[in-house]
Amino acid sequence: MIAQEIKAEDYIVQFDADSTKINLKGELSLGGSSEYQPITNLLNEVAATDPEIITIDLRELAFLNSSGISMLSKFVMSLRKKKGTQLVILGSNDQPWQGKSLQNLVKLLPGLQLKVQ
């Protein structure tokens, strides 16, 4: 069973199985890949179901540190093997870190749909 929610003091990660949408909200500044493991596991469990579309909504994520960007980058690269799954990432121009950081993900997965508004 896929976890529906990962919650901590500074952030929340929610998964909606009906829409295969993952929402990340708050500030993610965890210390290294081991602390990001629950989120990594959730992303991988969602991908393992081979959905047509996975949407990752970062519009309410105010901060993501380098370990978090690394975690997200590794997940994006893992989707190269899944030819039938479209990844959509939603970002916000209101979050300064997202402009450059999210654009780099398109380089890792050319079919990725990045929507920053």
PDB file of N, CA and C in Angstrom:
ATOM      1  N   MET A   1       0.838  -1.199   0.000  1.00  0.00           N
ATOM      2  CA  MET A   1       0.000   0.000   0.000  1.00  0.00           C
ATOM      3  C   MET A   1       0.873   1.249   0.000  1.00  0.00           C
ATOM      4  N   ILE A   2       0.562   2.170  -0.843  1.00  0.00           N
ATOM      5  CA  ILE A   2       1.320   3.403  -0.933  1.00  0.00           C
ATOM      6  C   ILE A   2       0.901   4.350   0.187  1.00  0.00           C
ATOM      7  N   ALA A   3       1.897   4.898   0.860  1.00  0.00           N
ATOM      8  CA  ALA A   3       1.619   5.867   1.921  1.00  0.00           C
ATOM      9  C   ALA A   3       0.909   7.082   1.330  1.00  0.00           C
ATOM     10  N   GLN A   4      -0.042   7.599   2.047  1.00  0.00           N
ATOM     11  CA  GLN A   4      -0.810   8.744   1.570  1.00  0.00           C
ATOM     12  C   GLN A   4      -0.202  10.070   1.997  1.00  0.00           C
ATOM     13  N   GLU A   5       0.563  10.054   3.110  1.00  0.00           N
ATOM     14  CA  GLU A   5       1.061  11.319   3.629  1.00  0.00           C
ATOM     15  C   GLU A   5       2.319  11.101   4.463  1.00  0.00           C
ATOM     16  N   ILE A   6       3.290  11.977   4.250  1.00  0.00           N
ATOM     17  CA  ILE A   6       4.490  12.038   5.083  1.00  0.00           C
ATOM     18  C   ILE A   6       4.496  13.447   5.659  1.00  0.00           C
ATOM     19  N   LYS A   7       4.461  13.520   6.982  1.00  0.00           N
ATOM     20  CA  LYS A   7       4.286  14.831   7.611  1.00  0.00           C
ATOM     21  C   LYS A   7       5.350  15.051   8.673  1.00  0.00           C
ATOM     22  N   ALA A   8       5.902  16.253   8.700  1.00  0.00           N
ATOM     23  CA  ALA A   8       6.854  16.658   9.731  1.00  0.00           C
ATOM     24  C   ALA A   8       6.554  18.111  10.098  1.00  0.00           C
ATOM     25  N   GLU A   9       7.332  18.650  10.987  1.00  0.00           N
ATOM     26  CA  GLU A   9       7.083  20.011  11.458  1.00  0.00           C
ATOM     27  C   GLU A   9       7.164  21.045  10.326  1.00  0.00           C
ATOM     28  N   ASP A  10       8.146  20.890   9.435  1.00  0.00           N
ATOM     29  CA  ASP A  10       8.405  21.899   8.403  1.00  0.00           C
ATOM     30  C   ASP A  10       7.821  21.589   7.029  1.00  0.00           C
ATOM     31  N   TYR A  11       7.359  20.364   6.829  1.00  0.00           N
ATOM     32  CA  TYR A  11       6.892  19.988   5.487  1.00  0.00           C
ATOM     33  C   TYR A  11       5.816  18.911   5.551  1.00  0.00           C
ATOM     34  N   ILE A  12       5.156  18.753   4.398  1.00  0.00           N
ATOM     35  CA  ILE A  12       4.188  17.675   4.227  1.00  0.00           C
ATOM     36  C   ILE A  12       4.283  17.195   2.777  1.00  0.00           C
ATOM     37  N   VAL A  13       4.237  15.895   2.605  1.00  0.00           N
ATOM     38  CA  VAL A  13       4.214  15.280   1.280  1.00  0.00           C
ATOM     39  C   VAL A  13       2.929  14.462   1.223  1.00  0.00           C
ATOM     40  N   GLN A  14       2.077  14.777   0.258  1.00  0.00           N
ATOM     41  CA  GLN A  14       0.785  14.096   0.136  1.00  0.00           C
ATOM     42  C   GLN A  14       0.703  13.420  -1.224  1.00  0.00           C
ATOM     43  N   PHE A  15       0.156  12.206  -1.217  1.00  0.00           N
ATOM     44  CA  PHE A  15      -0.033  11.482  -2.461  1.00  0.00           C
ATOM     45  C   PHE A  15      -1.510  11.198  -2.661  1.00  0.00           C
ATOM     46  N   ASP A  16      -2.015  11.580  -3.832  1.00  0.00           N
ATOM     47  CA  ASP A  16      -3.399  11.301  -4.218  1.00  0.00           C
ATOM     48  C   ASP A  16      -3.359  10.188  -5.257  1.00  0.00           C
ATOM     49  N   ALA A  17      -3.777   8.992  -4.870  1.00  0.00           N
ATOM     50  CA  ALA A  17      -3.695   7.828  -5.751  1.00  0.00           C
ATOM     51  C   ALA A  17      -4.584   7.971  -6.977  1.00  0.00           C
ATOM     52  N   ASP A  18      -5.723   8.650  -6.846  1.00  0.00           N
ATOM     53  CA  ASP A  18      -6.643   8.785  -7.981  1.00  0.00           C
ATOM     54  C   ASP A  18      -6.020   9.580  -9.122  1.00  0.00           C
ATOM     55  N   SER A  19      -5.288  10.627  -8.790  1.00  0.00           N
ATOM     56  CA  SER A  19      -4.701  11.484  -9.824  1.00  0.00           C
ATOM     57  C   SER A  19      -3.205  11.223 -10.015  1.00  0.00           C
ATOM     58  N   THR A  20      -2.639  10.296  -9.241  1.00  0.00           N
ATOM     59  CA  THR A  20      -1.184  10.052  -9.180  1.00  0.00           C
ATOM     60  C   THR A  20      -0.418  11.373  -9.083  1.00  0.00           C
ATOM     61  N   LYS A  21      -0.888  12.215  -8.171  1.00  0.00           N
ATOM     62  CA  LYS A  21      -0.276  13.516  -7.933  1.00  0.00           C
ATOM     63  C   LYS A  21       0.363  13.530  -6.549  1.00  0.00           C
ATOM     64  N   ILE A  22       1.596  14.021  -6.502  1.00  0.00           N
ATOM     65  CA  ILE A  22       2.341  14.125  -5.258  1.00  0.00           C
ATOM     66  C   ILE A  22       2.555  15.610  -4.977  1.00  0.00           C
ATOM     67  N   ASN A  23       2.064  16.081  -3.845  1.00  0.00           N
ATOM     68  CA  ASN A  23       2.201  17.482  -3.435  1.00  0.00           C
ATOM     69  C   ASN A  23       3.269  17.580  -2.361  1.00  0.00           C
ATOM     70  N   LEU A  24       4.222  18.482  -2.556  1.00  0.00           N
ATOM     71  CA  LEU A  24       5.231  18.778  -1.546  1.00  0.00           C
ATOM     72  C   LEU A  24       5.017  20.216  -1.100  1.00  0.00           C
ATOM     73  N   LYS A  25       4.883  20.419   0.215  1.00  0.00           N
ATOM     74  CA  LYS A  25       4.586  21.742   0.753  1.00  0.00           C
ATOM     75  C   LYS A  25       5.503  22.028   1.928  1.00  0.00           C
ATOM     76  N   GLY A  26       5.829  23.303   2.104  1.00  0.00           N
ATOM     77  CA  GLY A  26       6.636  23.720   3.245  1.00  0.00           C
ATOM     78  C   GLY A  26       8.089  23.909   2.872  1.00  0.00           C
ATOM     79  N   GLU A  27       8.975  23.463   3.756  1.00  0.00           N
ATOM     80  CA  GLU A  27      10.415  23.596   3.548  1.00  0.00           C
ATOM     81  C   GLU A  27      11.079  22.252   3.793  1.00  0.00           C
ATOM     82  N   LEU A  28      11.783  21.768   2.782  1.00  0.00           N
ATOM     83  CA  LEU A  28      12.495  20.494   2.884  1.00  0.00           C
ATOM     84  C   LEU A  28      13.989  20.780   2.958  1.00  0.00           C
ATOM     85  N   SER A  29      14.552  20.643   4.134  1.00  0.00           N
ATOM     86  CA  SER A  29      15.994  20.838   4.306  1.00  0.00           C
ATOM     87  C   SER A  29      16.547  19.709   5.169  1.00  0.00           C
ATOM     88  N   LEU A  30      16.265  18.484   4.735  1.00  0.00           N
ATOM     89  CA  LEU A  30      16.689  17.310   5.485  1.00  0.00           C
ATOM     90  C   LEU A  30      18.176  17.061   5.267  1.00  0.00           C
ATOM     91  N   GLY A  31      18.769  16.296   6.153  1.00  0.00           N
ATOM     92  CA  GLY A  31      20.207  16.066   6.123  1.00  0.00           C
ATOM     93  C   GLY A  31      20.611  14.810   5.384  1.00  0.00           C
ATOM     94  N   GLY A  32      20.716  14.876   4.089  1.00  0.00           N
ATOM     95  CA  GLY A  32      21.240  13.756   3.315  1.00  0.00           C
ATOM     96  C   GLY A  32      20.196  12.772   2.839  1.00  0.00           C
ATOM     97  N   SER A  33      20.665  11.839   2.015  1.00  0.00           N
ATOM     98  CA  SER A  33      19.750  10.905   1.353  1.00  0.00           C
ATOM     99  C   SER A  33      19.016   9.996   2.330  1.00  0.00           C
ATOM    100  N   SER A  34      19.636   9.660   3.456  1.00  0.00           N
ATOM    101  CA  SER A  34      18.958   8.772   4.400  1.00  0.00           C
ATOM    102  C   SER A  34      17.706   9.425   4.989  1.00  0.00           C
ATOM    103  N   GLU A  35      17.764  10.729   5.235  1.00  0.00           N
ATOM    104  CA  GLU A  35      16.595  11.417   5.777  1.00  0.00           C
ATOM    105  C   GLU A  35      15.514  11.626   4.713  1.00  0.00           C
ATOM    106  N   TYR A  36      15.918  11.622   3.446  1.00  0.00           N
ATOM    107  CA  TYR A  36      14.956  11.744   2.349  1.00  0.00           C
ATOM    108  C   TYR A  36      14.366  10.393   1.943  1.00  0.00           C
ATOM    109  N   GLN A  37      14.826   9.302   2.561  1.00  0.00           N
ATOM    110  CA  GLN A  37      14.424   7.967   2.146  1.00  0.00           C
ATOM    111  C   GLN A  37      12.908   7.741   2.149  1.00  0.00           C
ATOM    112  N   PRO A  38      12.155   8.204   3.153  1.00  0.00           N
ATOM    113  CA  PRO A  38      10.699   7.993   3.095  1.00  0.00           C
ATOM    114  C   PRO A  38      10.053   8.643   1.859  1.00  0.00           C
ATOM    115  N   ILE A  39      10.540   9.813   1.480  1.00  0.00           N
ATOM    116  CA  ILE A  39       9.999  10.487   0.295  1.00  0.00           C
ATOM    117  C   ILE A  39      10.428   9.740  -0.964  1.00  0.00           C
ATOM    118  N   THR A  40      11.701   9.325  -1.001  1.00  0.00           N
ATOM    119  CA  THR A  40      12.203   8.529  -2.132  1.00  0.00           C
ATOM    120  C   THR A  40      11.380   7.255  -2.288  1.00  0.00           C
ATOM    121  N   ASN A  41      11.111   6.588  -1.176  1.00  0.00           N
ATOM    122  CA  ASN A  41      10.319   5.356  -1.223  1.00  0.00           C
ATOM    123  C   ASN A  41       8.930   5.613  -1.792  1.00  0.00           C
ATOM    124  N   LEU A  42       8.299   6.700  -1.371  1.00  0.00           N
ATOM    125  CA  LEU A  42       6.976   7.041  -1.875  1.00  0.00           C
ATOM    126  C   LEU A  42       7.021   7.266  -3.382  1.00  0.00           C
ATOM    127  N   LEU A  43       7.978   8.060  -3.844  1.00  0.00           N
ATOM    128  CA  LEU A  43       8.101   8.327  -5.282  1.00  0.00           C
ATOM    129  C   LEU A  43       8.305   7.030  -6.061  1.00  0.00           C
ATOM    130  N   ASN A  44       9.173   6.166  -5.553  1.00  0.00           N
ATOM    131  CA  ASN A  44       9.447   4.908  -6.248  1.00  0.00           C
ATOM    132  C   ASN A  44       8.254   3.964  -6.240  1.00  0.00           C
ATOM    133  N   GLU A  45       7.497   3.956  -5.151  1.00  0.00           N
ATOM    134  CA  GLU A  45       6.299   3.118  -5.082  1.00  0.00           C
ATOM    135  C   GLU A  45       5.258   3.586  -6.095  1.00  0.00           C
ATOM    136  N   VAL A  46       5.117   4.899  -6.229  1.00  0.00           N
ATOM    137  CA  VAL A  46       4.184   5.445  -7.216  1.00  0.00           C
ATOM    138  C   VAL A  46       4.628   5.043  -8.615  1.00  0.00           C
ATOM    139  N   ALA A  47       5.912   5.212  -8.921  1.00  0.00           N
ATOM    140  CA  ALA A  47       6.435   4.867 -10.253  1.00  0.00           C
ATOM    141  C   ALA A  47       6.302   3.384 -10.546  1.00  0.00           C
ATOM    142  N   ALA A  48       6.409   2.553  -9.518  1.00  0.00           N
ATOM    143  CA  ALA A  48       6.336   1.101  -9.702  1.00  0.00           C
ATOM    144  C   ALA A  48       4.958   0.634 -10.167  1.00  0.00           C
ATOM    145  N   THR A  49       3.945   1.477  -9.976  1.00  0.00           N
ATOM    146  CA  THR A  49       2.600   1.099 -10.428  1.00  0.00           C
ATOM    147  C   THR A  49       2.407   1.378 -11.909  1.00  0.00           C
ATOM    148  N   ASP A  50       3.442   1.912 -12.575  1.00  0.00           N
ATOM    149  CA  ASP A  50       3.420   2.231 -14.012  1.00  0.00           C
ATOM    150  C   ASP A  50       2.231   3.086 -14.435  1.00  0.00           C
ATOM    151  N   PRO A  51       2.012   4.223 -13.756  1.00  0.00           N
ATOM    152  CA  PRO A  51       0.906   5.093 -14.168  1.00  0.00           C
ATOM    153  C   PRO A  51       1.237   5.791 -15.485  1.00  0.00           C
ATOM    154  N   GLU A  52       0.220   6.240 -16.182  1.00  0.00           N
ATOM    155  CA  GLU A  52       0.456   6.989 -17.418  1.00  0.00           C
ATOM    156  C   GLU A  52       1.114   8.327 -17.120  1.00  0.00           C
ATOM    157  N   ILE A  53       0.667   8.975 -16.041  1.00  0.00           N
ATOM    158  CA  ILE A  53       1.171  10.298 -15.668  1.00  0.00           C
ATOM    159  C   ILE A  53       1.455  10.327 -14.169  1.00  0.00           C
ATOM    160  N   ILE A  54       2.592  10.906 -13.806  1.00  0.00           N
ATOM    161  CA  ILE A  54       2.893  11.239 -12.413  1.00  0.00           C
ATOM    162  C   ILE A  54       3.068  12.755 -12.379  1.00  0.00           C
ATOM    163  N   THR A  55       2.317  13.409 -11.503  1.00  0.00           N
ATOM    164  CA  THR A  55       2.446  14.859 -11.344  1.00  0.00           C
ATOM    165  C   THR A  55       3.067  15.131  -9.988  1.00  0.00           C
ATOM    166  N   ILE A  56       4.133  15.923  -9.995  1.00  0.00           N
ATOM    167  CA  ILE A  56       4.765  16.367  -8.753  1.00  0.00           C
ATOM    168  C   ILE A  56       4.529  17.867  -8.654  1.00  0.00           C
ATOM    169  N   ASP A  57       3.775  18.263  -7.645  1.00  0.00           N
ATOM    170  CA  ASP A  57       3.400  19.664  -7.457  1.00  0.00           C
ATOM    171  C   ASP A  57       4.295  20.288  -6.391  1.00  0.00           C
ATOM    172  N   LEU A  58       5.159  21.204  -6.843  1.00  0.00           N
ATOM    173  CA  LEU A  58       6.100  21.871  -5.945  1.00  0.00           C
ATOM    174  C   LEU A  58       5.723  23.331  -5.705  1.00  0.00           C
ATOM    175  N   ARG A  59       4.556  23.741  -6.157  1.00  0.00           N
ATOM    176  CA  ARG A  59       4.188  25.157  -6.099  1.00  0.00           C
ATOM    177  C   ARG A  59       4.163  25.723  -4.688  1.00  0.00           C
ATOM    178  N   GLU A  60       3.927  24.883  -3.693  1.00  0.00           N
ATOM    179  CA  GLU A  60       3.887  25.356  -2.305  1.00  0.00           C
ATOM    180  C   GLU A  60       5.112  24.910  -1.513  1.00  0.00           C
ATOM    181  N   LEU A  61       6.160  24.490  -2.223  1.00  0.00           N
ATOM    182  CA  LEU A  61       7.409  24.109  -1.565  1.00  0.00           C
ATOM    183  C   LEU A  61       8.342  25.323  -1.580  1.00  0.00           C
ATOM    184  N   ALA A  62       8.482  25.959  -0.423  1.00  0.00           N
ATOM    185  CA  ALA A  62       9.232  27.207  -0.329  1.00  0.00           C
ATOM    186  C   ALA A  62      10.738  26.994  -0.422  1.00  0.00           C
ATOM    187  N   PHE A  63      11.220  25.801  -0.040  1.00  0.00           N
ATOM    188  CA  PHE A  63      12.659  25.565  -0.037  1.00  0.00           C
ATOM    189  C   PHE A  63      12.942  24.088  -0.225  1.00  0.00           C
ATOM    190  N   LEU A  64      13.964  23.792  -1.014  1.00  0.00           N
ATOM    191  CA  LEU A  64      14.457  22.422  -1.187  1.00  0.00           C
ATOM    192  C   LEU A  64      15.975  22.507  -1.229  1.00  0.00           C
ATOM    193  N   ASN A  65      16.646  21.866  -0.262  1.00  0.00           N
ATOM    194  CA  ASN A  65      18.106  21.964  -0.208  1.00  0.00           C
ATOM    195  C   ASN A  65      18.755  21.060  -1.258  1.00  0.00           C
ATOM    196  N   SER A  66      20.078  21.090  -1.310  1.00  0.00           N
ATOM    197  CA  SER A  66      20.797  20.344  -2.347  1.00  0.00           C
ATOM    198  C   SER A  66      20.559  18.831  -2.233  1.00  0.00           C
ATOM    199  N   SER A  67      20.405  18.315  -1.026  1.00  0.00           N
ATOM    200  CA  SER A  67      20.113  16.879  -0.868  1.00  0.00           C
ATOM    201  C   SER A  67      18.745  16.546  -1.439  1.00  0.00           C
ATOM    202  N   GLY A  68      17.806  17.453  -1.271  1.00  0.00           N
ATOM    203  CA  GLY A  68      16.464  17.253  -1.821  1.00  0.00           C
ATOM    204  C   GLY A  68      16.452  17.344  -3.337  1.00  0.00           C
ATOM    205  N   ILE A  69      17.229  18.287  -3.878  1.00  0.00           N
ATOM    206  CA  ILE A  69      17.328  18.412  -5.329  1.00  0.00           C
ATOM    207  C   ILE A  69      17.981  17.163  -5.909  1.00  0.00           C
ATOM    208  N   SER A  70      18.967  16.640  -5.215  1.00  0.00           N
ATOM    209  CA  SER A  70      19.626  15.398  -5.637  1.00  0.00           C
ATOM    210  C   SER A  70      18.628  14.231  -5.638  1.00  0.00           C
ATOM    211  N   MET A  71      17.821  14.131  -4.588  1.00  0.00           N
ATOM    212  CA  MET A  71      16.814  13.083  -4.488  1.00  0.00           C
ATOM    213  C   MET A  71      15.833  13.183  -5.651  1.00  0.00           C
ATOM    214  N   LEU A  72      15.367  14.389  -5.938  1.00  0.00           N
ATOM    215  CA  LEU A  72      14.421  14.599  -7.022  1.00  0.00           C
ATOM    216  C   LEU A  72      15.068  14.292  -8.372  1.00  0.00           C
ATOM    217  N   SER A  73      16.320  14.694  -8.540  1.00  0.00           N
ATOM    218  CA  SER A  73      17.039  14.427  -9.788  1.00  0.00           C
ATOM    219  C   SER A  73      17.199  12.932 -10.035  1.00  0.00           C
ATOM    220  N   LYS A  74      17.541  12.189  -9.002  1.00  0.00           N
ATOM    221  CA  LYS A  74      17.694  10.732  -9.132  1.00  0.00           C
ATOM    222  C   LYS A  74      16.369  10.086  -9.511  1.00  0.00           C
ATOM    223  N   PHE A  75      15.283  10.575  -8.916  1.00  0.00           N
ATOM    224  CA  PHE A  75      13.973  10.027  -9.266  1.00  0.00           C
ATOM    225  C   PHE A  75      13.648  10.306 -10.731  1.00  0.00           C
ATOM    226  N   VAL A  76      13.895  11.533 -11.171  1.00  0.00           N
ATOM    227  CA  VAL A  76      13.632  11.909 -12.565  1.00  0.00           C
ATOM    228  C   VAL A  76      14.442  11.015 -13.509  1.00  0.00           C
ATOM    229  N   MET A  77      15.704  10.797 -13.195  1.00  0.00           N
ATOM    230  CA  MET A  77      16.543   9.938 -14.041  1.00  0.00           C
ATOM    231  C   MET A  77      16.047   8.501 -14.059  1.00  0.00           C
ATOM    232  N   SER A  78      15.498   8.035 -12.945  1.00  0.00           N
ATOM    233  CA  SER A  78      14.993   6.656 -12.897  1.00  0.00           C
ATOM    234  C   SER A  78      13.807   6.454 -13.834  1.00  0.00           C
ATOM    235  N   LEU A  79      13.115   7.541 -14.173  1.00  0.00           N
ATOM    236  CA  LEU A  79      11.957   7.427 -15.060  1.00  0.00           C
ATOM    237  C   LEU A  79      12.345   7.275 -16.530  1.00  0.00           C
ATOM    238  N   ARG A  80      13.628   7.455 -16.851  1.00  0.00           N
ATOM    239  CA  ARG A  80      14.064   7.242 -18.238  1.00  0.00           C
ATOM    240  C   ARG A  80      13.750   5.820 -18.698  1.00  0.00           C
ATOM    241  N   LYS A  81      13.788   4.872 -17.767  1.00  0.00           N
ATOM    242  CA  LYS A  81      13.534   3.463 -18.093  1.00  0.00           C
ATOM    243  C   LYS A  81      12.049   3.169 -18.268  1.00  0.00           C
ATOM    244  N   LYS A  82      11.197   4.062 -17.801  1.00  0.00           N
ATOM    245  CA  LYS A  82       9.748   3.846 -17.851  1.00  0.00           C
ATOM    246  C   LYS A  82       9.174   4.640 -19.017  1.00  0.00           C
ATOM    247  N   LYS A  83       9.188   4.033 -20.166  1.00  0.00           N
ATOM    248  CA  LYS A  83       8.781   4.737 -21.386  1.00  0.00           C
ATOM    249  C   LYS A  83       7.299   5.106 -21.395  1.00  0.00           C
ATOM    250  N   GLY A  84       6.472   4.388 -20.650  1.00  0.00           N
ATOM    251  CA  GLY A  84       5.035   4.644 -20.678  1.00  0.00           C
ATOM    252  C   GLY A  84       4.544   5.642 -19.648  1.00  0.00           C
ATOM    253  N   THR A  85       5.453   6.206 -18.843  1.00  0.00           N
ATOM    254  CA  THR A  85       5.057   7.134 -17.783  1.00  0.00           C
ATOM    255  C   THR A  85       5.515   8.545 -18.113  1.00  0.00           C
ATOM    256  N   GLN A  86       4.555   9.472 -18.129  1.00  0.00           N
ATOM    257  CA  GLN A  86       4.832  10.896 -18.358  1.00  0.00           C
ATOM    258  C   GLN A  86       4.974  11.578 -17.004  1.00  0.00           C
ATOM    259  N   LEU A  87       6.052  12.333 -16.823  1.00  0.00           N
ATOM    260  CA  LEU A  87       6.250  13.085 -15.590  1.00  0.00           C
ATOM    261  C   LEU A  87       5.926  14.551 -15.837  1.00  0.00           C
ATOM    262  N   VAL A  88       5.080  15.106 -14.970  1.00  0.00           N
ATOM    263  CA  VAL A  88       4.727  16.518 -15.019  1.00  0.00           C
ATOM    264  C   VAL A  88       5.164  17.131 -13.690  1.00  0.00           C
ATOM    265  N   ILE A  89       5.918  18.209 -13.763  1.00  0.00           N
ATOM    266  CA  ILE A  89       6.318  18.915 -12.549  1.00  0.00           C
ATOM    267  C   ILE A  89       5.732  20.318 -12.597  1.00  0.00           C
ATOM    268  N   LEU A  90       5.003  20.656 -11.538  1.00  0.00           N
ATOM    269  CA  LEU A  90       4.383  21.973 -11.420  1.00  0.00           C
ATOM    270  C   LEU A  90       5.213  22.817 -10.469  1.00  0.00           C
ATOM    271  N   GLY A  91       5.624  23.993 -10.926  1.00  0.00           N
ATOM    272  CA  GLY A  91       6.408  24.901 -10.107  1.00  0.00           C
ATOM    273  C   GLY A  91       5.779  26.275 -10.069  1.00  0.00           C
ATOM    274  N   SER A  92       6.390  27.143  -9.286  1.00  0.00           N
ATOM    275  CA  SER A  92       5.861  28.498  -9.119  1.00  0.00           C
ATOM    276  C   SER A  92       6.973  29.528  -9.234  1.00  0.00           C
ATOM    277  N   ASN A  93       6.703  30.586  -9.973  1.00  0.00           N
ATOM    278  CA  ASN A  93       7.646  31.704 -10.045  1.00  0.00           C
ATOM    279  C   ASN A  93       7.751  32.429  -8.707  1.00  0.00           C
ATOM    280  N   ASP A  94       6.813  32.183  -7.803  1.00  0.00           N
ATOM    281  CA  ASP A  94       6.843  32.800  -6.476  1.00  0.00           C
ATOM    282  C   ASP A  94       7.906  32.164  -5.575  1.00  0.00           C
ATOM    283  N   GLN A  95       8.438  31.010  -5.985  1.00  0.00           N
ATOM    284  CA  GLN A  95       9.467  30.311  -5.215  1.00  0.00           C
ATOM    285  C   GLN A  95      10.801  30.488  -5.943  1.00  0.00           C
ATOM    286  N   PRO A  96      11.655  31.404  -5.488  1.00  0.00           N
ATOM    287  CA  PRO A  96      12.875  31.763  -6.227  1.00  0.00           C
ATOM    288  C   PRO A  96      13.782  30.597  -6.597  1.00  0.00           C
ATOM    289  N   TRP A  97      13.874  29.577  -5.760  1.00  0.00           N
ATOM    290  CA  TRP A  97      14.786  28.455  -6.026  1.00  0.00           C
ATOM    291  C   TRP A  97      14.343  27.615  -7.220  1.00  0.00           C
ATOM    292  N   GLN A  98      13.063  27.680  -7.586  1.00  0.00           N
ATOM    293  CA  GLN A  98      12.533  26.764  -8.588  1.00  0.00           C
ATOM    294  C   GLN A  98      12.942  27.087 -10.021  1.00  0.00           C
ATOM    295  N   GLY A  99      13.165  28.355 -10.336  1.00  0.00           N
ATOM    296  CA  GLY A  99      13.475  28.751 -11.702  1.00  0.00           C
ATOM    297  C   GLY A  99      14.584  27.943 -12.342  1.00  0.00           C
ATOM    298  N   LYS A 100      15.788  28.047 -11.796  1.00  0.00           N
ATOM    299  CA  LYS A 100      16.943  27.346 -12.369  1.00  0.00           C
ATOM    300  C   LYS A 100      16.936  25.866 -12.018  1.00  0.00           C
ATOM    301  N   SER A 101      16.628  25.538 -10.787  1.00  0.00           N
ATOM    302  CA  SER A 101      16.724  24.148 -10.332  1.00  0.00           C
ATOM    303  C   SER A 101      15.808  23.224 -11.108  1.00  0.00           C
ATOM    304  N   LEU A 102      14.574  23.629 -11.330  1.00  0.00           N
ATOM    305  CA  LEU A 102      13.628  22.760 -12.023  1.00  0.00           C
ATOM    306  C   LEU A 102      13.959  22.644 -13.508  1.00  0.00           C
ATOM    307  N   GLN A 103      14.492  23.690 -14.100  1.00  0.00           N
ATOM    308  CA  GLN A 103      14.849  23.647 -15.513  1.00  0.00           C
ATOM    309  C   GLN A 103      15.900  22.569 -15.777  1.00  0.00           C
ATOM    310  N   ASN A 104      16.776  22.333 -14.805  1.00  0.00           N
ATOM    311  CA  ASN A 104      17.799  21.305 -14.958  1.00  0.00           C
ATOM    312  C   ASN A 104      17.201  19.905 -15.048  1.00  0.00           C
ATOM    313  N   LEU A 105      16.030  19.690 -14.462  1.00  0.00           N
ATOM    314  CA  LEU A 105      15.398  18.377 -14.509  1.00  0.00           C
ATOM    315  C   LEU A 105      14.992  18.000 -15.929  1.00  0.00           C
ATOM    316  N   VAL A 106      14.654  18.999 -16.750  1.00  0.00           N
ATOM    317  CA  VAL A 106      14.281  18.741 -18.145  1.00  0.00           C
ATOM    318  C   VAL A 106      15.474  18.153 -18.902  1.00  0.00           C
ATOM    319  N   LYS A 107      16.679  18.578 -18.540  1.00  0.00           N
ATOM    320  CA  LYS A 107      17.880  18.039 -19.167  1.00  0.00           C
ATOM    321  C   LYS A 107      18.073  16.570 -18.818  1.00  0.00           C
ATOM    322  N   LEU A 108      17.617  16.171 -17.632  1.00  0.00           N
ATOM    323  CA  LEU A 108      17.764  14.786 -17.186  1.00  0.00           C
ATOM    324  C   LEU A 108      16.721  13.866 -17.810  1.00  0.00           C
ATOM    325  N   LEU A 109      15.550  14.418 -18.130  1.00  0.00           N
ATOM    326  CA  LEU A 109      14.455  13.647 -18.727  1.00  0.00           C
ATOM    327  C   LEU A 109      13.783  14.526 -19.771  1.00  0.00           C
ATOM    328  N   PRO A 110      14.258  14.439 -21.035  1.00  0.00           N
ATOM    329  CA  PRO A 110      13.770  15.355 -22.058  1.00  0.00           C
ATOM    330  C   PRO A 110      12.247  15.361 -22.249  1.00  0.00           C
ATOM    331  N   GLY A 111      11.546  14.286 -21.946  1.00  0.00           N
ATOM    332  CA  GLY A 111      10.099  14.256 -22.121  1.00  0.00           C
ATOM    333  C   GLY A 111       9.329  14.865 -20.968  1.00  0.00           C
ATOM    334  N   LEU A 112      10.036  15.310 -19.943  1.00  0.00           N
ATOM    335  CA  LEU A 112       9.391  15.878 -18.765  1.00  0.00           C
ATOM    336  C   LEU A 112       8.632  17.145 -19.134  1.00  0.00           C
ATOM    337  N   GLN A 113       7.428  17.276 -18.610  1.00  0.00           N
ATOM    338  CA  GLN A 113       6.644  18.507 -18.807  1.00  0.00           C
ATOM    339  C   GLN A 113       6.806  19.373 -17.567  1.00  0.00           C
ATOM    340  N   LEU A 114       7.499  20.487 -17.732  1.00  0.00           N
ATOM    341  CA  LEU A 114       7.713  21.423 -16.636  1.00  0.00           C
ATOM    342  C   LEU A 114       6.777  22.608 -16.826  1.00  0.00           C
ATOM    343  N   LYS A 115       5.960  22.869 -15.817  1.00  0.00           N
ATOM    344  CA  LYS A 115       5.011  23.978 -15.890  1.00  0.00           C
ATOM    345  C   LYS A 115       5.257  24.878 -14.692  1.00  0.00           C
ATOM    346  N   VAL A 116       5.973  25.978 -14.926  1.00  0.00           N
ATOM    347  CA  VAL A 116       6.259  26.948 -13.873  1.00  0.00           C
ATOM    348  C   VAL A 116       5.461  28.205 -14.170  1.00  0.00           C
ATOM    349  N   GLN A 117       4.627  28.593 -13.229  1.00  0.00           N
ATOM    350  CA  GLN A 117       3.758  29.769 -13.438  1.00  0.00           C
ATOM    351  C   GLN A 117       3.878  30.722 -12.281  1.00  0.00           C
TER     352      GLN A 117
END
